[in-house]
Amino acid sequence: MWEDFTVKDGVICEYHGKGGDIVIPEGISAIGNSAFESCRNLTNIIAPCCDIEEDAFAHSGLENFFFESSSIL
């Protein structure tokens, strides 16, 4: 799964996959500026709680974004 992303210091810098439904791996702290820009084939993204930087999904086809739920005791 990590092969679809360029990650630096826990931040997704670029996405190289085919699109569709994407699950962001645990350990990601942020989705970087323009990381998914112009990825027209995105449909749904499920991600751990993380920061989303400016224009992370600019001009993409993203339909839905869901944060994974986590239980807090």
PDB file of N, CA and C in Angstrom:
ATOM      1  N   MET A   1       0.820  -1.200   0.000  1.00  0.00           N
ATOM      2  CA  MET A   1       0.000   0.000   0.000  1.00  0.00           C
ATOM      3  C   MET A   1       0.865   1.266   0.000  1.00  0.00           C
ATOM      4  N   TRP A   2       1.964   1.236   0.727  1.00  0.00           N
ATOM      5  CA  TRP A   2       2.833   2.413   0.807  1.00  0.00           C
ATOM      6  C   TRP A   2       3.433   2.765  -0.550  1.00  0.00           C
ATOM      7  N   GLU A   3       3.520   1.796  -1.469  1.00  0.00           N
ATOM      8  CA  GLU A   3       4.128   2.051  -2.771  1.00  0.00           C
ATOM      9  C   GLU A   3       3.337   3.056  -3.605  1.00  0.00           C
ATOM     10  N   ASP A   4       2.085   3.297  -3.254  1.00  0.00           N
ATOM     11  CA  ASP A   4       1.268   4.278  -3.974  1.00  0.00           C
ATOM     12  C   ASP A   4       1.533   5.715  -3.537  1.00  0.00           C
ATOM     13  N   PHE A   5       2.355   5.904  -2.511  1.00  0.00           N
ATOM     14  CA  PHE A   5       2.574   7.232  -1.938  1.00  0.00           C
ATOM     15  C   PHE A   5       4.053   7.574  -1.851  1.00  0.00           C
ATOM     16  N   THR A   6       4.355   8.851  -2.017  1.00  0.00           N
ATOM     17  CA  THR A   6       5.653   9.384  -1.617  1.00  0.00           C
ATOM     18  C   THR A   6       5.411  10.023  -0.265  1.00  0.00           C
ATOM     19  N   VAL A   7       6.102   9.518   0.768  1.00  0.00           N
ATOM     20  CA  VAL A   7       5.894   9.984   2.140  1.00  0.00           C
ATOM     21  C   VAL A   7       7.222  10.482   2.702  1.00  0.00           C
ATOM     22  N   LYS A   8       7.166  11.649   3.330  1.00  0.00           N
ATOM     23  CA  LYS A   8       8.356  12.201   3.984  1.00  0.00           C
ATOM     24  C   LYS A   8       7.956  12.663   5.375  1.00  0.00           C
ATOM     25  N   ASP A   9       8.616  12.119   6.381  1.00  0.00           N
ATOM     26  CA  ASP A   9       8.350  12.487   7.776  1.00  0.00           C
ATOM     27  C   ASP A   9       6.870  12.364   8.143  1.00  0.00           C
ATOM     28  N   GLY A  10       6.220  11.312   7.639  1.00  0.00           N
ATOM     29  CA  GLY A  10       4.825  11.062   7.976  1.00  0.00           C
ATOM     30  C   GLY A  10       3.808  11.854   7.172  1.00  0.00           C
ATOM     31  N   VAL A  11       4.281  12.618   6.180  1.00  0.00           N
ATOM     32  CA  VAL A  11       3.394  13.443   5.355  1.00  0.00           C
ATOM     33  C   VAL A  11       3.345  12.865   3.940  1.00  0.00           C
ATOM     34  N   ILE A  12       2.142  12.630   3.438  1.00  0.00           N
ATOM     35  CA  ILE A  12       2.010  12.199   2.045  1.00  0.00           C
ATOM     36  C   ILE A  12       2.299  13.409   1.165  1.00  0.00           C
ATOM     37  N   CYS A  13       3.328  13.286   0.342  1.00  0.00           N
ATOM     38  CA  CYS A  13       3.718  14.373  -0.557  1.00  0.00           C
ATOM     39  C   CYS A  13       3.123  14.209  -1.945  1.00  0.00           C
ATOM     40  N   GLU A  14       2.928  12.928  -2.340  1.00  0.00           N
ATOM     41  CA  GLU A  14       2.407  12.665  -3.675  1.00  0.00           C
ATOM     42  C   GLU A  14       1.773  11.283  -3.721  1.00  0.00           C
ATOM     43  N   TYR A  15       0.738  11.171  -4.538  1.00  0.00           N
ATOM     44  CA  TYR A  15       0.040   9.906  -4.737  1.00  0.00           C
ATOM     45  C   TYR A  15       0.329   9.418  -6.147  1.00  0.00           C
ATOM     46  N   HIS A  16       0.662   8.116  -6.285  1.00  0.00           N
ATOM     47  CA  HIS A  16       1.024   7.538  -7.582  1.00  0.00           C
ATOM     48  C   HIS A  16       0.080   6.430  -8.019  1.00  0.00           C
ATOM     49  N   GLY A  17      -0.975   6.169  -7.267  1.00  0.00           N
ATOM     50  CA  GLY A  17      -1.862   5.049  -7.544  1.00  0.00           C
ATOM     51  C   GLY A  17      -2.859   5.329  -8.656  1.00  0.00           C
ATOM     52  N   LYS A  18      -3.755   4.366  -8.849  1.00  0.00           N
ATOM     53  CA  LYS A  18      -4.746   4.430  -9.922  1.00  0.00           C
ATOM     54  C   LYS A  18      -6.029   5.138  -9.525  1.00  0.00           C
ATOM     55  N   GLY A  19      -6.207   5.414  -8.239  1.00  0.00           N
ATOM     56  CA  GLY A  19      -7.431   6.069  -7.784  1.00  0.00           C
ATOM     57  C   GLY A  19      -8.415   5.070  -7.227  1.00  0.00           C
ATOM     58  N   GLY A  20      -9.687   5.378  -7.358  1.00  0.00           N
ATOM     59  CA  GLY A  20     -10.724   4.538  -6.775  1.00  0.00           C
ATOM     60  C   GLY A  20     -10.851   4.805  -5.291  1.00  0.00           C
ATOM     61  N   ASP A  21     -11.139   3.759  -4.532  1.00  0.00           N
ATOM     62  CA  ASP A  21     -11.233   3.880  -3.081  1.00  0.00           C
ATOM     63  C   ASP A  21      -9.841   3.709  -2.482  1.00  0.00           C
ATOM     64  N   ILE A  22      -9.450   4.616  -1.602  1.00  0.00           N
ATOM     65  CA  ILE A  22      -8.107   4.612  -1.033  1.00  0.00           C
ATOM     66  C   ILE A  22      -8.197   4.606   0.487  1.00  0.00           C
ATOM     67  N   VAL A  23      -7.387   3.784   1.106  1.00  0.00           N
ATOM     68  CA  VAL A  23      -7.241   3.785   2.558  1.00  0.00           C
ATOM     69  C   VAL A  23      -5.848   4.323   2.857  1.00  0.00           C
ATOM     70  N   ILE A  24      -5.802   5.429   3.578  1.00  0.00           N
ATOM     71  CA  ILE A  24      -4.527   6.030   3.962  1.00  0.00           C
ATOM     72  C   ILE A  24      -3.958   5.198   5.112  1.00  0.00           C
ATOM     73  N   PRO A  25      -2.697   4.764   5.003  1.00  0.00           N
ATOM     74  CA  PRO A  25      -2.129   3.905   6.050  1.00  0.00           C
ATOM     75  C   PRO A  25      -1.945   4.618   7.382  1.00  0.00           C
ATOM     76  N   GLU A  26      -1.978   3.826   8.453  1.00  0.00           N
ATOM     77  CA  GLU A  26      -1.665   4.352   9.788  1.00  0.00           C
ATOM     78  C   GLU A  26      -0.240   4.915   9.758  1.00  0.00           C
ATOM     79  N   GLY A  27       0.020   5.861  10.621  1.00  0.00           N
ATOM     80  CA  GLY A  27       1.344   6.464  10.689  1.00  0.00           C
ATOM     81  C   GLY A  27       1.471   7.741   9.885  1.00  0.00           C
ATOM     82  N   ILE A  28       0.425   8.081   9.142  1.00  0.00           N
ATOM     83  CA  ILE A  28       0.427   9.324   8.366  1.00  0.00           C
ATOM     84  C   ILE A  28      -0.072  10.450   9.266  1.00  0.00           C
ATOM     85  N   SER A  29       0.693  11.530   9.339  1.00  0.00           N
ATOM     86  CA  SER A  29       0.299  12.658  10.177  1.00  0.00           C
ATOM     87  C   SER A  29      -0.367  13.775   9.380  1.00  0.00           C
ATOM     88  N   ALA A  30      -0.143  13.781   8.045  1.00  0.00           N
ATOM     89  CA  ALA A  30      -0.726  14.840   7.218  1.00  0.00           C
ATOM     90  C   ALA A  30      -0.789  14.403   5.760  1.00  0.00           C
ATOM     91  N   ILE A  31      -1.734  15.000   5.060  1.00  0.00           N
ATOM     92  CA  ILE A  31      -1.812  14.872   3.610  1.00  0.00           C
ATOM     93  C   ILE A  31      -1.337  16.219   3.080  1.00  0.00           C
ATOM     94  N   GLY A  32      -0.216  16.192   2.401  1.00  0.00           N
ATOM     95  CA  GLY A  32       0.479  17.417   2.022  1.00  0.00           C
ATOM     96  C   GLY A  32      -0.183  18.225   0.921  1.00  0.00           C
ATOM     97  N   ASN A  33       0.304  19.434   0.790  1.00  0.00           N
ATOM     98  CA  ASN A  33      -0.150  20.390  -0.202  1.00  0.00           C
ATOM     99  C   ASN A  33      -0.104  19.753  -1.593  1.00  0.00           C
ATOM    100  N   SER A  34      -1.227  19.702  -2.257  1.00  0.00           N
ATOM    101  CA  SER A  34      -1.366  19.201  -3.629  1.00  0.00           C
ATOM    102  C   SER A  34      -1.020  17.725  -3.795  1.00  0.00           C
ATOM    103  N   ALA A  35      -1.026  16.937  -2.718  1.00  0.00           N
ATOM    104  CA  ALA A  35      -0.632  15.527  -2.790  1.00  0.00           C
ATOM    105  C   ALA A  35      -1.488  14.720  -3.764  1.00  0.00           C
ATOM    106  N   PHE A  36      -2.773  15.014  -3.839  1.00  0.00           N
ATOM    107  CA  PHE A  36      -3.675  14.288  -4.727  1.00  0.00           C
ATOM    108  C   PHE A  36      -4.205  15.193  -5.838  1.00  0.00           C
ATOM    109  N   GLU A  37      -3.528  16.284  -6.082  1.00  0.00           N
ATOM    110  CA  GLU A  37      -3.982  17.245  -7.085  1.00  0.00           C
ATOM    111  C   GLU A  37      -4.154  16.578  -8.448  1.00  0.00           C
ATOM    112  N   SER A  38      -5.269  16.850  -9.074  1.00  0.00           N
ATOM    113  CA  SER A  38      -5.608  16.369 -10.414  1.00  0.00           C
ATOM    114  C   SER A  38      -5.741  14.849 -10.527  1.00  0.00           C
ATOM    115  N   CYS A  39      -5.930  14.161  -9.417  1.00  0.00           N
ATOM    116  CA  CYS A  39      -6.196  12.715  -9.447  1.00  0.00           C
ATOM    117  C   CYS A  39      -7.685  12.538  -9.712  1.00  0.00           C
ATOM    118  N   ARG A  40      -8.058  12.492 -10.935  1.00  0.00           N
ATOM    119  CA  ARG A  40      -9.469  12.499 -11.332  1.00  0.00           C
ATOM    120  C   ARG A  40     -10.211  11.216 -10.986  1.00  0.00           C
ATOM    121  N   ASN A  41      -9.503  10.119 -10.752  1.00  0.00           N
ATOM    122  CA  ASN A  41     -10.157   8.834 -10.511  1.00  0.00           C
ATOM    123  C   ASN A  41     -10.410   8.527  -9.039  1.00  0.00           C
ATOM    124  N   LEU A  42     -10.240   9.493  -8.153  1.00  0.00           N
ATOM    125  CA  LEU A  42     -10.516   9.260  -6.738  1.00  0.00           C
ATOM    126  C   LEU A  42     -12.004   9.165  -6.494  1.00  0.00           C
ATOM    127  N   THR A  43     -12.396   8.244  -5.634  1.00  0.00           N
ATOM    128  CA  THR A  43     -13.800   8.188  -5.258  1.00  0.00           C
ATOM    129  C   THR A  43     -13.942   8.410  -3.758  1.00  0.00           C
ATOM    130  N   ASN A  44     -13.432   7.486  -2.951  1.00  0.00           N
ATOM    131  CA  ASN A  44     -13.539   7.593  -1.497  1.00  0.00           C
ATOM    132  C   ASN A  44     -12.169   7.447  -0.852  1.00  0.00           C
ATOM    133  N   ILE A  45     -11.945   8.215   0.194  1.00  0.00           N
ATOM    134  CA  ILE A  45     -10.715   8.085   0.973  1.00  0.00           C
ATOM    135  C   ILE A  45     -11.098   7.880   2.425  1.00  0.00           C
ATOM    136  N   ILE A  46     -10.452   6.902   3.043  1.00  0.00           N
ATOM    137  CA  ILE A  46     -10.582   6.672   4.482  1.00  0.00           C
ATOM    138  C   ILE A  46      -9.197   6.912   5.065  1.00  0.00           C
ATOM    139  N   ALA A  47      -9.121   7.762   6.073  1.00  0.00           N
ATOM    140  CA  ALA A  47      -7.820   8.143   6.625  1.00  0.00           C
ATOM    141  C   ALA A  47      -7.863   8.186   8.145  1.00  0.00           C
ATOM    142  N   PRO A  48      -6.702   7.939   8.766  1.00  0.00           N
ATOM    143  CA  PRO A  48      -6.619   8.181  10.203  1.00  0.00           C
ATOM    144  C   PRO A  48      -6.739   9.688  10.434  1.00  0.00           C
ATOM    145  N   CYS A  49      -7.011  10.080  11.631  1.00  0.00           N
ATOM    146  CA  CYS A  49      -7.085  11.509  11.930  1.00  0.00           C
ATOM    147  C   CYS A  49      -5.739  12.144  11.599  1.00  0.00           C
ATOM    148  N   CYS A  50      -5.748  13.113  10.700  1.00  0.00           N
ATOM    149  CA  CYS A  50      -4.509  13.751  10.270  1.00  0.00           C
ATOM    150  C   CYS A  50      -4.821  15.150   9.745  1.00  0.00           C
ATOM    151  N   ASP A  51      -3.781  15.944   9.577  1.00  0.00           N
ATOM    152  CA  ASP A  51      -3.933  17.268   9.000  1.00  0.00           C
ATOM    153  C   ASP A  51      -4.093  17.141   7.493  1.00  0.00           C
ATOM    154  N   ILE A  52      -4.850  18.046   6.915  1.00  0.00           N
ATOM    155  CA  ILE A  52      -4.997  18.108   5.465  1.00  0.00           C
ATOM    156  C   ILE A  52      -4.551  19.495   5.034  1.00  0.00           C
ATOM    157  N   GLU A  53      -3.460  19.529   4.283  1.00  0.00           N
ATOM    158  CA  GLU A  53      -2.893  20.812   3.880  1.00  0.00           C
ATOM    159  C   GLU A  53      -3.639  21.394   2.674  1.00  0.00           C
ATOM    160  N   GLU A  54      -3.388  22.653   2.438  1.00  0.00           N
ATOM    161  CA  GLU A  54      -4.062  23.406   1.390  1.00  0.00           C
ATOM    162  C   GLU A  54      -3.948  22.715   0.029  1.00  0.00           C
ATOM    163  N   ASP A  55      -5.043  22.696  -0.692  1.00  0.00           N
ATOM    164  CA  ASP A  55      -5.121  22.157  -2.052  1.00  0.00           C
ATOM    165  C   ASP A  55      -4.713  20.686  -2.157  1.00  0.00           C
ATOM    166  N   ALA A  56      -4.803  19.937  -1.062  1.00  0.00           N
ATOM    167  CA  ALA A  56      -4.422  18.523  -1.088  1.00  0.00           C
ATOM    168  C   ALA A  56      -5.195  17.743  -2.150  1.00  0.00           C
ATOM    169  N   PHE A  57      -6.430  18.148  -2.419  1.00  0.00           N
ATOM    170  CA  PHE A  57      -7.269  17.425  -3.373  1.00  0.00           C
ATOM    171  C   PHE A  57      -7.750  18.332  -4.506  1.00  0.00           C
ATOM    172  N   ALA A  58      -7.003  19.380  -4.799  1.00  0.00           N
ATOM    173  CA  ALA A  58      -7.401  20.335  -5.833  1.00  0.00           C
ATOM    174  C   ALA A  58      -7.577  19.643  -7.187  1.00  0.00           C
ATOM    175  N   HIS A  59      -8.664  19.943  -7.840  1.00  0.00           N
ATOM    176  CA  HIS A  59      -8.961  19.444  -9.188  1.00  0.00           C
ATOM    177  C   HIS A  59      -9.014  17.916  -9.265  1.00  0.00           C
ATOM    178  N   SER A  60      -9.297  17.277  -8.143  1.00  0.00           N
ATOM    179  CA  SER A  60      -9.409  15.814  -8.140  1.00  0.00           C
ATOM    180  C   SER A  60     -10.879  15.430  -8.281  1.00  0.00           C
ATOM    181  N   GLY A  61     -11.113  14.151  -8.425  1.00  0.00           N
ATOM    182  CA  GLY A  61     -12.478  13.657  -8.528  1.00  0.00           C
ATOM    183  C   GLY A  61     -13.018  13.127  -7.211  1.00  0.00           C
ATOM    184  N   LEU A  62     -12.380  13.499  -6.100  1.00  0.00           N
ATOM    185  CA  LEU A  62     -12.757  12.970  -4.792  1.00  0.00           C
ATOM    186  C   LEU A  62     -14.234  13.213  -4.498  1.00  0.00           C
ATOM    187  N   GLU A  63     -14.923  12.135  -4.163  1.00  0.00           N
ATOM    188  CA  GLU A  63     -16.351  12.224  -3.854  1.00  0.00           C
ATOM    189  C   GLU A  63     -16.609  12.279  -2.354  1.00  0.00           C
ATOM    190  N   ASN A  64     -15.906  11.442  -1.563  1.00  0.00           N
ATOM    191  CA  ASN A  64     -16.128  11.368  -0.119  1.00  0.00           C
ATOM    192  C   ASN A  64     -14.804  11.191   0.609  1.00  0.00           C
ATOM    193  N   PHE A  65     -14.731  11.798   1.784  1.00  0.00           N
ATOM    194  CA  PHE A  65     -13.548  11.649   2.644  1.00  0.00           C
ATOM    195  C   PHE A  65     -14.064  11.276   4.023  1.00  0.00           C
ATOM    196  N   PHE A  66     -13.539  10.193   4.555  1.00  0.00           N
ATOM    197  CA  PHE A  66     -13.960   9.724   5.866  1.00  0.00           C
ATOM    198  C   PHE A  66     -12.757   9.595   6.779  1.00  0.00           C
ATOM    199  N   PHE A  67     -12.883  10.084   8.011  1.00  0.00           N
ATOM    200  CA  PHE A  67     -11.866   9.840   9.014  1.00  0.00           C
ATOM    201  C   PHE A  67     -12.221   8.544   9.724  1.00  0.00           C
ATOM    202  N   GLU A  68     -11.206   7.702   9.943  1.00  0.00           N
ATOM    203  CA  GLU A  68     -11.430   6.483  10.718  1.00  0.00           C
ATOM    204  C   GLU A  68     -11.866   6.871  12.115  1.00  0.00           C
ATOM    205  N   SER A  69     -12.802   6.145  12.642  1.00  0.00           N
ATOM    206  CA  SER A  69     -13.201   6.417  14.021  1.00  0.00           C
ATOM    207  C   SER A  69     -12.244   5.692  14.956  1.00  0.00           C
ATOM    208  N   SER A  70     -11.988   6.317  16.044  1.00  0.00           N
ATOM    209  CA  SER A  70     -11.140   5.673  17.044  1.00  0.00           C
ATOM    210  C   SER A  70     -11.830   5.807  18.386  1.00  0.00           C
ATOM    211  N   SER A  71     -11.661   4.816  19.190  1.00  0.00           N
ATOM    212  CA  SER A  71     -12.285   4.881  20.507  1.00  0.00           C
ATOM    213  C   SER A  71     -11.317   5.517  21.493  1.00  0.00           C
ATOM    214  N   ILE A  72     -11.809   6.425  22.262  1.00  0.00           N
ATOM    215  CA  ILE A  72     -11.009   7.104  23.281  1.00  0.00           C
ATOM    216  C   ILE A  72     -11.540   6.653  24.631  1.00  0.00           C
ATOM    217  N   LEU A  73     -10.662   6.102  25.429  1.00  0.00           N
ATOM    218  CA  LEU A  73     -11.102   5.598  26.740  1.00  0.00           C
ATOM    219  C   LEU A  73     -10.927   6.639  27.806  1.00  0.00           C
TER     220      LEU A  73
END
